[in-house]
Every structure is written in C-alpha cells, then in structure tokens.
C-alpha cells in the first residue's frame, strides 16, 4: 500500500485501502473494519489518515493480517516514497520503499493529474 507521512500523519493512498463488500470475504471485510476503526479519517474516495498515536496499533493490524496468510503481501505492506527520508522504526517490520519503476505487469492506468503528489 502506498504510504506517506506528513506532519506526523500517515496517509494510505485511496486506491490501496481495502474496500467493504456486503457479500465479500470475511477476512477482507474484517481487515477493512480493523483499519477503519483506528483511522483518523477513512472517507470513501480519499486517502486514509492515521495519526502517530495509532501507529503501533496500525503495525499490529498489518502484521496480524499479514501473518494470517489470507491477504497478499502488497495489501499489508506499507510502501514509502524514497524521498520520505527514513521509515519510522514502528513500521520497519511491515514497510519497504516504493520501486522507482512500476512493474508493467501490475501497473494500473491512472489519470496523471490525480496521483502527481504520490509520484516517487
């Protein structure tokens, strides 16, 4: 999940956060509610925000769902831009750097003007 930190708030990119589906997987819906319950803001179509006070809880949620084996690693790993400087210690077990070049096999097309601030 693309992540960035600004003013001690961690933002998860709106395209990477889980979605609730009424008849969806129990695990995925539980993941949605677990993340949403600790988010400061989790509006549909917007980046989700997590204040520094809940970062430890966020790490625990990500590690727990990662360990379950039901979700892909890309769904539970934070990907920070290289220019972030340093990954905070609390996230080092569940974070990595965004790749500089997108993988053409997994790249989704997005409008260039909507994701400029997320570019690495």
PDB file of N, CA and C in Angstrom:
ATOM      1  N   UNK A   1       0.841  -1.164   0.000  1.00  0.00           N
ATOM      2  CA  UNK A   1       0.000   0.000   0.000  1.00  0.00           C
ATOM      3  C   UNK A   1       0.890   1.232   0.000  1.00  0.00           C
ATOM      4  N   UNK A   2       0.622   2.140  -0.920  1.00  0.00           N
ATOM      5  CA  UNK A   2       1.398   3.372  -0.953  1.00  0.00           C
ATOM      6  C   UNK A   2       1.097   4.177   0.301  1.00  0.00           C
ATOM      7  N   UNK A   3       2.162   4.605   0.962  1.00  0.00           N
ATOM      8  CA  UNK A   3       2.028   5.371   2.201  1.00  0.00           C
ATOM      9  C   UNK A   3       2.960   6.571   2.155  1.00  0.00           C
ATOM     10  N   UNK A   4       2.567   7.608   2.859  1.00  0.00           N
ATOM     11  CA  UNK A   4       3.442   8.772   3.030  1.00  0.00           C
ATOM     12  C   UNK A   4       3.125   9.388   4.376  1.00  0.00           C
ATOM     13  N   UNK A   5       4.089  10.121   4.899  1.00  0.00           N
ATOM     14  CA  UNK A   5       3.907  10.776   6.193  1.00  0.00           C
ATOM     15  C   UNK A   5       4.088  12.273   6.008  1.00  0.00           C
ATOM     16  N   UNK A   6       3.117  13.011   6.508  1.00  0.00           N
ATOM     17  CA  UNK A   6       3.183  14.473   6.514  1.00  0.00           C
ATOM     18  C   UNK A   6       2.683  14.957   7.866  1.00  0.00           C
ATOM     19  N   UNK A   7       3.478  15.773   8.543  1.00  0.00           N
ATOM     20  CA  UNK A   7       3.086  16.339   9.842  1.00  0.00           C
ATOM     21  C   UNK A   7       2.625  15.272  10.834  1.00  0.00           C
ATOM     22  N   UNK A   8       3.389  14.203  10.945  1.00  0.00           N
ATOM     23  CA  UNK A   8       3.101  13.099  11.876  1.00  0.00           C
ATOM     24  C   UNK A   8       1.768  12.402  11.611  1.00  0.00           C
ATOM     25  N   UNK A   9       1.299  12.466  10.379  1.00  0.00           N
ATOM     26  CA  UNK A   9       0.104  11.735   9.965  1.00  0.00           C
ATOM     27  C   UNK A   9       0.505  10.831   8.813  1.00  0.00           C
ATOM     28  N   UNK A  10       0.197   9.543   8.939  1.00  0.00           N
ATOM     29  CA  UNK A  10       0.467   8.588   7.870  1.00  0.00           C
ATOM     30  C   UNK A  10      -0.763   8.539   6.967  1.00  0.00           C
ATOM     31  N   UNK A  11      -0.531   8.677   5.675  1.00  0.00           N
ATOM     32  CA  UNK A  11      -1.607   8.623   4.690  1.00  0.00           C
ATOM     33  C   UNK A  11      -1.469   7.340   3.884  1.00  0.00           C
ATOM     34  N   UNK A  12      -2.567   6.605   3.730  1.00  0.00           N
ATOM     35  CA  UNK A  12      -2.613   5.461   2.827  1.00  0.00           C
ATOM     36  C   UNK A  12      -3.348   5.901   1.577  1.00  0.00           C
ATOM     37  N   UNK A  13      -2.764   5.619   0.424  1.00  0.00           N
ATOM     38  CA  UNK A  13      -3.343   6.043  -0.847  1.00  0.00           C
ATOM     39  C   UNK A  13      -4.737   5.451  -1.022  1.00  0.00           C
ATOM     40  N   UNK A  14      -5.653   6.278  -1.481  1.00  0.00           N
ATOM     41  CA  UNK A  14      -7.063   5.876  -1.620  1.00  0.00           C
ATOM     42  C   UNK A  14      -7.261   4.637  -2.483  1.00  0.00           C
ATOM     43  N   UNK A  15      -6.381   4.397  -3.455  1.00  0.00           N
ATOM     44  CA  UNK A  15      -6.522   3.227  -4.331  1.00  0.00           C
ATOM     45  C   UNK A  15      -6.034   1.939  -3.674  1.00  0.00           C
ATOM     46  N   UNK A  16      -5.315   2.064  -2.561  1.00  0.00           N
ATOM     47  CA  UNK A  16      -4.715   0.889  -1.921  1.00  0.00           C
ATOM     48  C   UNK A  16      -5.429   0.430  -0.655  1.00  0.00           C
ATOM     49  N   UNK A  17      -6.347   1.228  -0.145  1.00  0.00           N
ATOM     50  CA  UNK A  17      -7.041   0.825   1.087  1.00  0.00           C
ATOM     51  C   UNK A  17      -8.084  -0.248   0.769  1.00  0.00           C
ATOM     52  N   UNK A  18      -8.384  -1.110   1.748  1.00  0.00           N
ATOM     53  CA  UNK A  18      -9.373  -2.166   1.490  1.00  0.00           C
ATOM     54  C   UNK A  18     -10.775  -1.582   1.328  1.00  0.00           C
ATOM     55  N   UNK A  19     -11.613  -2.332   0.663  1.00  0.00           N
ATOM     56  CA  UNK A  19     -12.998  -1.920   0.446  1.00  0.00           C
ATOM     57  C   UNK A  19     -13.931  -2.894   1.146  1.00  0.00           C
ATOM     58  N   UNK A  20     -15.004  -2.367   1.692  1.00  0.00           N
ATOM     59  CA  UNK A  20     -16.027  -3.222   2.296  1.00  0.00           C
ATOM     60  C   UNK A  20     -16.983  -3.687   1.201  1.00  0.00           C
ATOM     61  N   UNK A  21     -17.263  -4.972   1.199  1.00  0.00           N
ATOM     62  CA  UNK A  21     -18.226  -5.532   0.251  1.00  0.00           C
ATOM     63  C   UNK A  21     -19.234  -6.344   1.045  1.00  0.00           C
ATOM     64  N   UNK A  22     -20.501  -6.008   0.878  1.00  0.00           N
ATOM     65  CA  UNK A  22     -21.565  -6.637   1.660  1.00  0.00           C
ATOM     66  C   UNK A  22     -21.501  -8.160   1.611  1.00  0.00           C
ATOM     67  N   UNK A  23     -21.225  -8.725   0.452  1.00  0.00           N
ATOM     68  CA  UNK A  23     -21.133 -10.184   0.320  1.00  0.00           C
ATOM     69  C   UNK A  23     -19.692 -10.616   0.069  1.00  0.00           C
ATOM     70  N   UNK A  24     -18.760  -9.812   0.551  1.00  0.00           N
ATOM     71  CA  UNK A  24     -17.350 -10.098   0.331  1.00  0.00           C
ATOM     72  C   UNK A  24     -16.770 -11.051   1.360  1.00  0.00           C
ATOM     73  N   UNK A  25     -15.490 -11.299   1.207  1.00  0.00           N
ATOM     74  CA  UNK A  25     -14.734 -12.173   2.101  1.00  0.00           C
ATOM     75  C   UNK A  25     -14.787 -11.653   3.539  1.00  0.00           C
ATOM     76  N   UNK A  26     -14.974 -12.557   4.474  1.00  0.00           N
ATOM     77  CA  UNK A  26     -14.996 -12.188   5.891  1.00  0.00           C
ATOM     78  C   UNK A  26     -13.651 -11.586   6.291  1.00  0.00           C
ATOM     79  N   UNK A  27     -12.557 -12.170   5.812  1.00  0.00           N
ATOM     80  CA  UNK A  27     -11.221 -11.668   6.160  1.00  0.00           C
ATOM     81  C   UNK A  27     -11.032 -10.255   5.623  1.00  0.00           C
ATOM     82  N   UNK A  28     -11.365 -10.041   4.358  1.00  0.00           N
ATOM     83  CA  UNK A  28     -11.187  -8.706   3.769  1.00  0.00           C
ATOM     84  C   UNK A  28     -12.075  -7.669   4.445  1.00  0.00           C
ATOM     85  N   UNK A  29     -13.307  -8.039   4.759  1.00  0.00           N
ATOM     86  CA  UNK A  29     -14.191  -7.095   5.443  1.00  0.00           C
ATOM     87  C   UNK A  29     -13.705  -6.818   6.867  1.00  0.00           C
ATOM     88  N   UNK A  30     -13.177  -7.828   7.543  1.00  0.00           N
ATOM     89  CA  UNK A  30     -12.609  -7.626   8.886  1.00  0.00           C
ATOM     90  C   UNK A  30     -11.398  -6.701   8.813  1.00  0.00           C
ATOM     91  N   UNK A  31     -10.586  -6.877   7.784  1.00  0.00           N
ATOM     92  CA  UNK A  31      -9.413  -6.025   7.566  1.00  0.00           C
ATOM     93  C   UNK A  31      -9.857  -4.578   7.352  1.00  0.00           C
ATOM     94  N   UNK A  32     -10.879  -4.394   6.531  1.00  0.00           N
ATOM     95  CA  UNK A  32     -11.437  -3.062   6.285  1.00  0.00           C
ATOM     96  C   UNK A  32     -11.845  -2.409   7.604  1.00  0.00           C
ATOM     97  N   UNK A  33     -12.635  -3.122   8.418  1.00  0.00           N
ATOM     98  CA  UNK A  33     -13.131  -2.550   9.668  1.00  0.00           C
ATOM     99  C   UNK A  33     -12.012  -2.336  10.685  1.00  0.00           C
ATOM    100  N   UNK A  34     -11.039  -3.223  10.728  1.00  0.00           N
ATOM    101  CA  UNK A  34      -9.919  -3.061  11.667  1.00  0.00           C
ATOM    102  C   UNK A  34      -9.128  -1.794  11.346  1.00  0.00           C
ATOM    103  N   UNK A  35      -8.820  -1.590  10.066  1.00  0.00           N
ATOM    104  CA  UNK A  35      -8.082  -0.384   9.680  1.00  0.00           C
ATOM    105  C   UNK A  35      -8.934   0.868   9.862  1.00  0.00           C
ATOM    106  N   UNK A  36     -10.173   0.774   9.450  1.00  0.00           N
ATOM    107  CA  UNK A  36     -11.049   1.944   9.529  1.00  0.00           C
ATOM    108  C   UNK A  36     -11.272   2.371  10.978  1.00  0.00           C
ATOM    109  N   UNK A  37     -11.309   1.408  11.892  1.00  0.00           N
ATOM    110  CA  UNK A  37     -11.583   1.730  13.297  1.00  0.00           C
ATOM    111  C   UNK A  37     -10.469   2.535  13.954  1.00  0.00           C
ATOM    112  N   UNK A  38      -9.249   2.442  13.448  1.00  0.00           N
ATOM    113  CA  UNK A  38      -8.153   3.211  14.052  1.00  0.00           C
ATOM    114  C   UNK A  38      -7.743   4.411  13.207  1.00  0.00           C
ATOM    115  N   UNK A  39      -8.346   4.562  12.037  1.00  0.00           N
ATOM    116  CA  UNK A  39      -8.018   5.694  11.166  1.00  0.00           C
ATOM    117  C   UNK A  39      -8.636   6.974  11.711  1.00  0.00           C
ATOM    118  N   UNK A  40      -7.900   8.063  11.574  1.00  0.00           N
ATOM    119  CA  UNK A  40      -8.451   9.367  11.937  1.00  0.00           C
ATOM    120  C   UNK A  40      -9.491   9.800  10.924  1.00  0.00           C
ATOM    121  N   UNK A  41      -9.210   9.501   9.652  1.00  0.00           N
ATOM    122  CA  UNK A  41     -10.154   9.754   8.558  1.00  0.00           C
ATOM    123  C   UNK A  41     -10.085   8.584   7.606  1.00  0.00           C
ATOM    124  N   UNK A  42     -11.261   8.118   7.196  1.00  0.00           N
ATOM    125  CA  UNK A  42     -11.328   6.986   6.269  1.00  0.00           C
ATOM    126  C   UNK A  42     -12.542   7.146   5.365  1.00  0.00           C
ATOM    127  N   UNK A  43     -12.561   8.248   4.633  1.00  0.00           N
ATOM    128  CA  UNK A  43     -13.683   8.524   3.745  1.00  0.00           C
ATOM    129  C   UNK A  43     -13.513   7.821   2.404  1.00  0.00           C
ATOM    130  N   UNK A  44     -14.621   7.403   1.829  1.00  0.00           N
ATOM    131  CA  UNK A  44     -14.605   6.748   0.522  1.00  0.00           C
ATOM    132  C   UNK A  44     -14.032   7.710  -0.517  1.00  0.00           C
ATOM    133  N   UNK A  45     -13.125   7.202  -1.342  1.00  0.00           N
ATOM    134  CA  UNK A  45     -12.550   8.005  -2.414  1.00  0.00           C
ATOM    135  C   UNK A  45     -11.474   8.973  -1.975  1.00  0.00           C
ATOM    136  N   UNK A  46     -11.048   8.897  -0.712  1.00  0.00           N
ATOM    137  CA  UNK A  46      -9.988   9.771  -0.214  1.00  0.00           C
ATOM    138  C   UNK A  46      -8.919   8.932   0.472  1.00  0.00           C
ATOM    139  N   UNK A  47      -7.723   9.521   0.606  1.00  0.00           N
ATOM    140  CA  UNK A  47      -6.661   8.846   1.345  1.00  0.00           C
ATOM    141  C   UNK A  47      -7.100   8.673   2.797  1.00  0.00           C
ATOM    142  N   UNK A  48      -6.696   7.544   3.393  1.00  0.00           N
ATOM    143  CA  UNK A  48      -6.992   7.311   4.805  1.00  0.00           C
ATOM    144  C   UNK A  48      -5.855   7.893   5.634  1.00  0.00           C
ATOM    145  N   UNK A  49      -6.186   8.447   6.798  1.00  0.00           N
ATOM    146  CA  UNK A  49      -5.211   9.120   7.647  1.00  0.00           C
ATOM    147  C   UNK A  49      -5.098   8.428   9.006  1.00  0.00           C
ATOM    148  N   UNK A  50      -3.844   8.263   9.443  1.00  0.00           N
ATOM    149  CA  UNK A  50      -3.563   7.636  10.736  1.00  0.00           C
ATOM    150  C   UNK A  50      -2.595   8.528  11.504  1.00  0.00           C
ATOM    151  N   UNK A  51      -3.059   9.085  12.629  1.00  0.00           N
ATOM    152  CA  UNK A  51      -2.204   9.933  13.446  1.00  0.00           C
ATOM    153  C   UNK A  51      -1.145   9.079  14.136  1.00  0.00           C
ATOM    154  N   UNK A  52      -0.049   9.702  14.533  1.00  0.00           N
ATOM    155  CA  UNK A  52       1.075   8.969  15.129  1.00  0.00           C
ATOM    156  C   UNK A  52       0.676   8.204  16.393  1.00  0.00           C
ATOM    157  N   UNK A  53      -0.363   8.636  17.082  1.00  0.00           N
ATOM    158  CA  UNK A  53      -0.808   7.958  18.302  1.00  0.00           C
ATOM    159  C   UNK A  53      -1.302   6.537  18.037  1.00  0.00           C
ATOM    160  N   UNK A  54      -1.693   6.232  16.800  1.00  0.00           N
ATOM    161  CA  UNK A  54      -2.221   4.893  16.495  1.00  0.00           C
ATOM    162  C   UNK A  54      -1.267   4.066  15.632  1.00  0.00           C
ATOM    163  N   UNK A  55      -0.053   4.547  15.420  1.00  0.00           N
ATOM    164  CA  UNK A  55       0.872   3.828  14.542  1.00  0.00           C
ATOM    165  C   UNK A  55       1.198   2.431  15.060  1.00  0.00           C
ATOM    166  N   UNK A  56       1.357   2.266  16.359  1.00  0.00           N
ATOM    167  CA  UNK A  56       1.633   0.939  16.911  1.00  0.00           C
ATOM    168  C   UNK A  56       0.447   0.008  16.646  1.00  0.00           C
ATOM    169  N   UNK A  57      -0.760   0.503  16.837  1.00  0.00           N
ATOM    170  CA  UNK A  57      -1.955  -0.301  16.543  1.00  0.00           C
ATOM    171  C   UNK A  57      -2.020  -0.640  15.058  1.00  0.00           C
ATOM    172  N   UNK A  58      -1.674   0.311  14.204  1.00  0.00           N
ATOM    173  CA  UNK A  58      -1.667   0.062  12.759  1.00  0.00           C
ATOM    174  C   UNK A  58      -0.669  -1.037  12.417  1.00  0.00           C
ATOM    175  N   UNK A  59       0.521  -0.964  13.003  1.00  0.00           N
ATOM    176  CA  UNK A  59       1.517  -2.009  12.763  1.00  0.00           C
ATOM    177  C   UNK A  59       0.985  -3.377  13.185  1.00  0.00           C
ATOM    178  N   UNK A  60       0.348  -3.438  14.336  1.00  0.00           N
ATOM    179  CA  UNK A  60      -0.189  -4.711  14.825  1.00  0.00           C
ATOM    180  C   UNK A  60      -1.276  -5.261  13.902  1.00  0.00           C
ATOM    181  N   UNK A  61      -2.140  -4.394  13.403  1.00  0.00           N
ATOM    182  CA  UNK A  61      -3.184  -4.834  12.468  1.00  0.00           C
ATOM    183  C   UNK A  61      -2.542  -5.369  11.192  1.00  0.00           C
ATOM    184  N   UNK A  62      -1.584  -4.627  10.642  1.00  0.00           N
ATOM    185  CA  UNK A  62      -0.929  -5.055   9.398  1.00  0.00           C
ATOM    186  C   UNK A  62      -0.193  -6.378   9.587  1.00  0.00           C
ATOM    187  N   UNK A  63       0.545  -6.515  10.689  1.00  0.00           N
ATOM    188  CA  UNK A  63       1.270  -7.763  10.949  1.00  0.00           C
ATOM    189  C   UNK A  63       0.319  -8.935  11.155  1.00  0.00           C
ATOM    190  N   UNK A  64      -0.748  -8.704  11.884  1.00  0.00           N
ATOM    191  CA  UNK A  64      -1.708  -9.766  12.160  1.00  0.00           C
ATOM    192  C   UNK A  64      -2.357 -10.281  10.878  1.00  0.00           C
ATOM    193  N   UNK A  65      -2.808  -9.379  10.030  1.00  0.00           N
ATOM    194  CA  UNK A  65      -3.447  -9.810   8.786  1.00  0.00           C
ATOM    195  C   UNK A  65      -2.425 -10.362   7.802  1.00  0.00           C
ATOM    196  N   UNK A  66      -1.201  -9.876   7.857  1.00  0.00           N
ATOM    197  CA  UNK A  66      -0.142 -10.435   7.013  1.00  0.00           C
ATOM    198  C   UNK A  66       0.158 -11.867   7.424  1.00  0.00           C
ATOM    199  N   UNK A  67       0.263 -12.096   8.727  1.00  0.00           N
ATOM    200  CA  UNK A  67       0.554 -13.433   9.249  1.00  0.00           C
ATOM    201  C   UNK A  67      -0.567 -14.433   8.980  1.00  0.00           C
ATOM    202  N   UNK A  68      -1.780 -13.940   8.801  1.00  0.00           N
ATOM    203  CA  UNK A  68      -2.914 -14.846   8.567  1.00  0.00           C
ATOM    204  C   UNK A  68      -2.766 -15.613   7.260  1.00  0.00           C
ATOM    205  N   UNK A  69      -2.069 -15.017   6.298  1.00  0.00           N
ATOM    206  CA  UNK A  69      -1.865 -15.680   5.013  1.00  0.00           C
ATOM    207  C   UNK A  69      -3.021 -15.546   4.041  1.00  0.00           C
ATOM    208  N   UNK A  70      -4.080 -14.854   4.418  1.00  0.00           N
ATOM    209  CA  UNK A  70      -5.244 -14.712   3.545  1.00  0.00           C
ATOM    210  C   UNK A  70      -5.144 -13.527   2.593  1.00  0.00           C
ATOM    211  N   UNK A  71      -4.244 -12.594   2.895  1.00  0.00           N
ATOM    212  CA  UNK A  71      -4.095 -11.405   2.062  1.00  0.00           C
ATOM    213  C   UNK A  71      -2.728 -11.405   1.400  1.00  0.00           C
ATOM    214  N   UNK A  72      -2.652 -10.764   0.246  1.00  0.00           N
ATOM    215  CA  UNK A  72      -1.366 -10.636  -0.452  1.00  0.00           C
ATOM    216  C   UNK A  72      -0.452  -9.707   0.349  1.00  0.00           C
ATOM    217  N   UNK A  73       0.833  -9.939   0.229  1.00  0.00           N
ATOM    218  CA  UNK A  73       1.818  -9.110   0.916  1.00  0.00           C
ATOM    219  C   UNK A  73       1.651  -7.635   0.534  1.00  0.00           C
ATOM    220  N   UNK A  74       1.324  -7.377  -0.725  1.00  0.00           N
ATOM    221  CA  UNK A  74       1.154  -5.993  -1.181  1.00  0.00           C
ATOM    222  C   UNK A  74      -0.021  -5.292  -0.494  1.00  0.00           C
ATOM    223  N   UNK A  75      -0.932  -6.065   0.083  1.00  0.00           N
ATOM    224  CA  UNK A  75      -2.088  -5.488   0.767  1.00  0.00           C
ATOM    225  C   UNK A  75      -1.795  -5.148   2.222  1.00  0.00           C
ATOM    226  N   UNK A  76      -0.691  -5.662   2.749  1.00  0.00           N
ATOM    227  CA  UNK A  76      -0.376  -5.447   4.161  1.00  0.00           C
ATOM    228  C   UNK A  76       0.997  -4.812   4.378  1.00  0.00           C
ATOM    229  N   UNK A  77       1.663  -4.438   3.303  1.00  0.00           N
ATOM    230  CA  UNK A  77       2.980  -3.809   3.392  1.00  0.00           C
ATOM    231  C   UNK A  77       2.873  -2.339   3.011  1.00  0.00           C
ATOM    232  N   UNK A  78       3.437  -1.477   3.838  1.00  0.00           N
ATOM    233  CA  UNK A  78       3.467  -0.049   3.532  1.00  0.00           C
ATOM    234  C   UNK A  78       4.618   0.227   2.580  1.00  0.00           C
ATOM    235  N   UNK A  79       4.362   0.976   1.525  1.00  0.00           N
ATOM    236  CA  UNK A  79       5.396   1.337   0.554  1.00  0.00           C
ATOM    237  C   UNK A  79       5.590   2.849   0.593  1.00  0.00           C
ATOM    238  N   UNK A  80       6.734   3.254   1.140  1.00  0.00           N
ATOM    239  CA  UNK A  80       7.032   4.674   1.271  1.00  0.00           C
ATOM    240  C   UNK A  80       7.832   5.174   0.077  1.00  0.00           C
ATOM    241  N   UNK A  81       7.636   6.438  -0.318  1.00  0.00           N
ATOM    242  CA  UNK A  81       8.454   7.008  -1.391  1.00  0.00           C
ATOM    243  C   UNK A  81       9.892   7.177  -0.900  1.00  0.00           C
ATOM    244  N   UNK A  82      10.826   7.045  -1.814  1.00  0.00           N
ATOM    245  CA  UNK A  82      12.249   7.179  -1.471  1.00  0.00           C
ATOM    246  C   UNK A  82      12.524   8.513  -0.782  1.00  0.00           C
ATOM    247  N   UNK A  83      11.875   9.581  -1.244  1.00  0.00           N
ATOM    248  CA  UNK A  83      12.146  10.904  -0.680  1.00  0.00           C
ATOM    249  C   UNK A  83      11.554  11.100   0.724  1.00  0.00           C
ATOM    250  N   UNK A  84      10.912  10.071   1.265  1.00  0.00           N
ATOM    251  CA  UNK A  84      10.383  10.130   2.634  1.00  0.00           C
ATOM    252  C   UNK A  84      11.529  10.300   3.634  1.00  0.00           C
ATOM    253  N   UNK A  85      12.718   9.872   3.238  1.00  0.00           N
ATOM    254  CA  UNK A  85      13.877  10.011   4.110  1.00  0.00           C
ATOM    255  C   UNK A  85      14.165   8.747   4.878  1.00  0.00           C
ATOM    256  N   UNK A  86      13.352   8.459   5.865  1.00  0.00           N
ATOM    257  CA  UNK A  86      13.557   7.275   6.693  1.00  0.00           C
ATOM    258  C   UNK A  86      12.199   6.686   7.065  1.00  0.00           C
ATOM    259  N   UNK A  87      12.142   5.369   7.074  1.00  0.00           N
ATOM    260  CA  UNK A  87      10.923   4.696   7.516  1.00  0.00           C
ATOM    261  C   UNK A  87      10.927   4.713   9.043  1.00  0.00           C
ATOM    262  N   UNK A  88       9.858   5.211   9.671  1.00  0.00           N
ATOM    263  CA  UNK A  88       9.819   5.229  11.138  1.00  0.00           C
ATOM    264  C   UNK A  88      10.016   3.830  11.715  1.00  0.00           C
ATOM    265  N   UNK A  89      10.701   3.751  12.830  1.00  0.00           N
ATOM    266  CA  UNK A  89      11.037   2.465  13.459  1.00  0.00           C
ATOM    267  C   UNK A  89       9.816   1.580  13.666  1.00  0.00           C
ATOM    268  N   UNK A  90       8.689   2.164  14.028  1.00  0.00           N
ATOM    269  CA  UNK A  90       7.487   1.380  14.302  1.00  0.00           C
ATOM    270  C   UNK A  90       7.004   0.610  13.071  1.00  0.00           C
ATOM    271  N   UNK A  91       7.349   1.074  11.875  1.00  0.00           N
ATOM    272  CA  UNK A  91       6.874   0.432  10.644  1.00  0.00           C
ATOM    273  C   UNK A  91       7.923  -0.421   9.932  1.00  0.00           C
ATOM    274  N   UNK A  92       9.127  -0.487  10.432  1.00  0.00           N
ATOM    275  CA  UNK A  92      10.202  -1.168   9.692  1.00  0.00           C
ATOM    276  C   UNK A  92       9.925  -2.640   9.415  1.00  0.00           C
ATOM    277  N   UNK A  93       9.161  -3.315  10.262  1.00  0.00           N
ATOM    278  CA  UNK A  93       8.847  -4.730  10.026  1.00  0.00           C
ATOM    279  C   UNK A  93       7.838  -4.933   8.905  1.00  0.00           C
ATOM    280  N   UNK A  94       7.063  -3.905   8.591  1.00  0.00           N
ATOM    281  CA  UNK A  94       5.979  -4.074   7.623  1.00  0.00           C
ATOM    282  C   UNK A  94       6.022  -3.014   6.526  1.00  0.00           C
ATOM    283  N   UNK A  95       7.214  -2.470   6.274  1.00  0.00           N
ATOM    284  CA  UNK A  95       7.323  -1.406   5.277  1.00  0.00           C
ATOM    285  C   UNK A  95       8.509  -1.632   4.349  1.00  0.00           C
ATOM    286  N   UNK A  96       8.439  -0.980   3.223  1.00  0.00           N
ATOM    287  CA  UNK A  96       9.506  -1.015   2.232  1.00  0.00           C
ATOM    288  C   UNK A  96       9.468   0.302   1.468  1.00  0.00           C
ATOM    289  N   UNK A  97      10.400   0.445   0.541  1.00  0.00           N
ATOM    290  CA  UNK A  97      10.420   1.629  -0.318  1.00  0.00           C
ATOM    291  C   UNK A  97       9.647   1.330  -1.596  1.00  0.00           C
ATOM    292  N   UNK A  98       8.995   2.348  -2.135  1.00  0.00           N
ATOM    293  CA  UNK A  98       8.319   2.192  -3.425  1.00  0.00           C
ATOM    294  C   UNK A  98       9.377   1.965  -4.487  1.00  0.00           C
ATOM    295  N   UNK A  99       9.071   1.078  -5.420  1.00  0.00           N
ATOM    296  CA  UNK A  99      10.017   0.850  -6.509  1.00  0.00           C
ATOM    297  C   UNK A  99      10.047   2.093  -7.385  1.00  0.00           C
ATOM    298  N   UNK A 100      11.225   2.370  -7.935  1.00  0.00           N
ATOM    299  CA  UNK A 100      11.369   3.565  -8.761  1.00  0.00           C
ATOM    300  C   UNK A 100      10.664   3.412 -10.096  1.00  0.00           C
ATOM    301  N   UNK A 101      10.662   2.199 -10.624  1.00  0.00           N
ATOM    302  CA  UNK A 101       9.992   1.954 -11.894  1.00  0.00           C
ATOM    303  C   UNK A 101       8.847   0.982 -11.656  1.00  0.00           C
ATOM    304  N   UNK A 102       7.622   1.370 -12.060  1.00  0.00           N
ATOM    305  CA  UNK A 102       6.488   0.470 -11.850  1.00  0.00           C
ATOM    306  C   UNK A 102       6.622  -0.807 -12.662  1.00  0.00           C
ATOM    307  N   UNK A 103       6.115  -1.891 -12.108  1.00  0.00           N
ATOM    308  CA  UNK A 103       6.101  -3.177 -12.798  1.00  0.00           C
ATOM    309  C   UNK A 103       5.024  -3.120 -13.873  1.00  0.00           C
ATOM    310  N   UNK A 104       5.384  -3.259 -15.155  1.00  0.00           N
ATOM    311  CA  UNK A 104       4.395  -3.127 -16.232  1.00  0.00           C
ATOM    312  C   UNK A 104       3.303  -4.192 -16.176  1.00  0.00           C
ATOM    313  N   UNK A 105       3.568  -5.325 -15.527  1.00  0.00           N
ATOM    314  CA  UNK A 105       2.558  -6.381 -15.439  1.00  0.00           C
ATOM    315  C   UNK A 105       1.475  -6.066 -14.413  1.00  0.00           C
ATOM    316  N   UNK A 106       1.787  -5.216 -13.435  1.00  0.00           N
ATOM    317  CA  UNK A 106       0.810  -4.924 -12.387  1.00  0.00           C
ATOM    318  C   UNK A 106       0.371  -3.471 -12.387  1.00  0.00           C
ATOM    319  N   UNK A 107       0.955  -2.656 -13.236  1.00  0.00           N
ATOM    320  CA  UNK A 107       0.644  -1.233 -13.251  1.00  0.00           C
ATOM    321  C   UNK A 107      -0.781  -1.001 -13.736  1.00  0.00           C
ATOM    322  N   UNK A 108      -1.506  -0.176 -12.979  1.00  0.00           N
ATOM    323  CA  UNK A 108      -2.840   0.219 -13.389  1.00  0.00           C
ATOM    324  C   UNK A 108      -2.749   1.622 -13.954  1.00  0.00           C
ATOM    325  N   UNK A 109      -3.574   1.891 -14.947  1.00  0.00           N
ATOM    326  CA  UNK A 109      -3.571   3.224 -15.517  1.00  0.00           C
ATOM    327  C   UNK A 109      -4.358   4.158 -14.618  1.00  0.00           C
ATOM    328  N   UNK A 110      -3.757   5.317 -14.327  1.00  0.00           N
ATOM    329  CA  UNK A 110      -4.443   6.340 -13.554  1.00  0.00           C
ATOM    330  C   UNK A 110      -4.254   7.658 -14.265  1.00  0.00           C
ATOM    331  N   UNK A 111      -5.156   8.560 -14.035  1.00  0.00           N
ATOM    332  CA  UNK A 111      -5.032   9.880 -14.637  1.00  0.00           C
ATOM    333  C   UNK A 111      -3.804  10.558 -14.056  1.00  0.00           C
ATOM    334  N   UNK A 112      -2.937  11.109 -14.897  1.00  0.00           N
ATOM    335  CA  UNK A 112      -1.686  11.681 -14.409  1.00  0.00           C
ATOM    336  C   UNK A 112      -1.869  12.798 -13.391  1.00  0.00           C
ATOM    337  N   UNK A 113      -2.923  13.581 -13.524  1.00  0.00           N
ATOM    338  CA  UNK A 113      -3.068  14.705 -12.614  1.00  0.00           C
ATOM    339  C   UNK A 113      -3.589  14.297 -11.241  1.00  0.00           C
ATOM    340  N   UNK A 114      -4.176  13.111 -11.092  1.00  0.00           N
ATOM    341  CA  UNK A 114      -4.730  12.721  -9.801  1.00  0.00           C
ATOM    342  C   UNK A 114      -3.693  12.156  -8.848  1.00  0.00           C
ATOM    343  N   UNK A 115      -2.613  11.612  -9.362  1.00  0.00           N
ATOM    344  CA  UNK A 115      -1.641  10.951  -8.497  1.00  0.00           C
ATOM    345  C   UNK A 115      -0.272  11.619  -8.506  1.00  0.00           C
ATOM    346  N   UNK A 116      -0.190  12.862  -8.972  1.00  0.00           N
ATOM    347  CA  UNK A 116       1.105  13.533  -9.040  1.00  0.00           C
ATOM    348  C   UNK A 116       1.775  13.627  -7.678  1.00  0.00           C
ATOM    349  N   UNK A 117       1.013  13.923  -6.637  1.00  0.00           N
ATOM    350  CA  UNK A 117       1.612  14.079  -5.314  1.00  0.00           C
ATOM    351  C   UNK A 117       2.114  12.763  -4.747  1.00  0.00           C
ATOM    352  N   UNK A 118       1.711  11.633  -5.307  1.00  0.00           N
ATOM    353  CA  UNK A 118       2.137  10.323  -4.835  1.00  0.00           C
ATOM    354  C   UNK A 118       3.326   9.809  -5.626  1.00  0.00           C
ATOM    355  N   UNK A 119       3.710  10.485  -6.694  1.00  0.00           N
ATOM    356  CA  UNK A 119       4.822  10.004  -7.518  1.00  0.00           C
ATOM    357  C   UNK A 119       6.100   9.986  -6.702  1.00  0.00           C
ATOM    358  N   UNK A 120       6.915   8.948  -6.928  1.00  0.00           N
ATOM    359  CA  UNK A 120       8.171   8.857  -6.186  1.00  0.00           C
ATOM    360  C   UNK A 120       9.203   9.765  -6.778  1.00  0.00           C
TER     361      UNK A 120
END
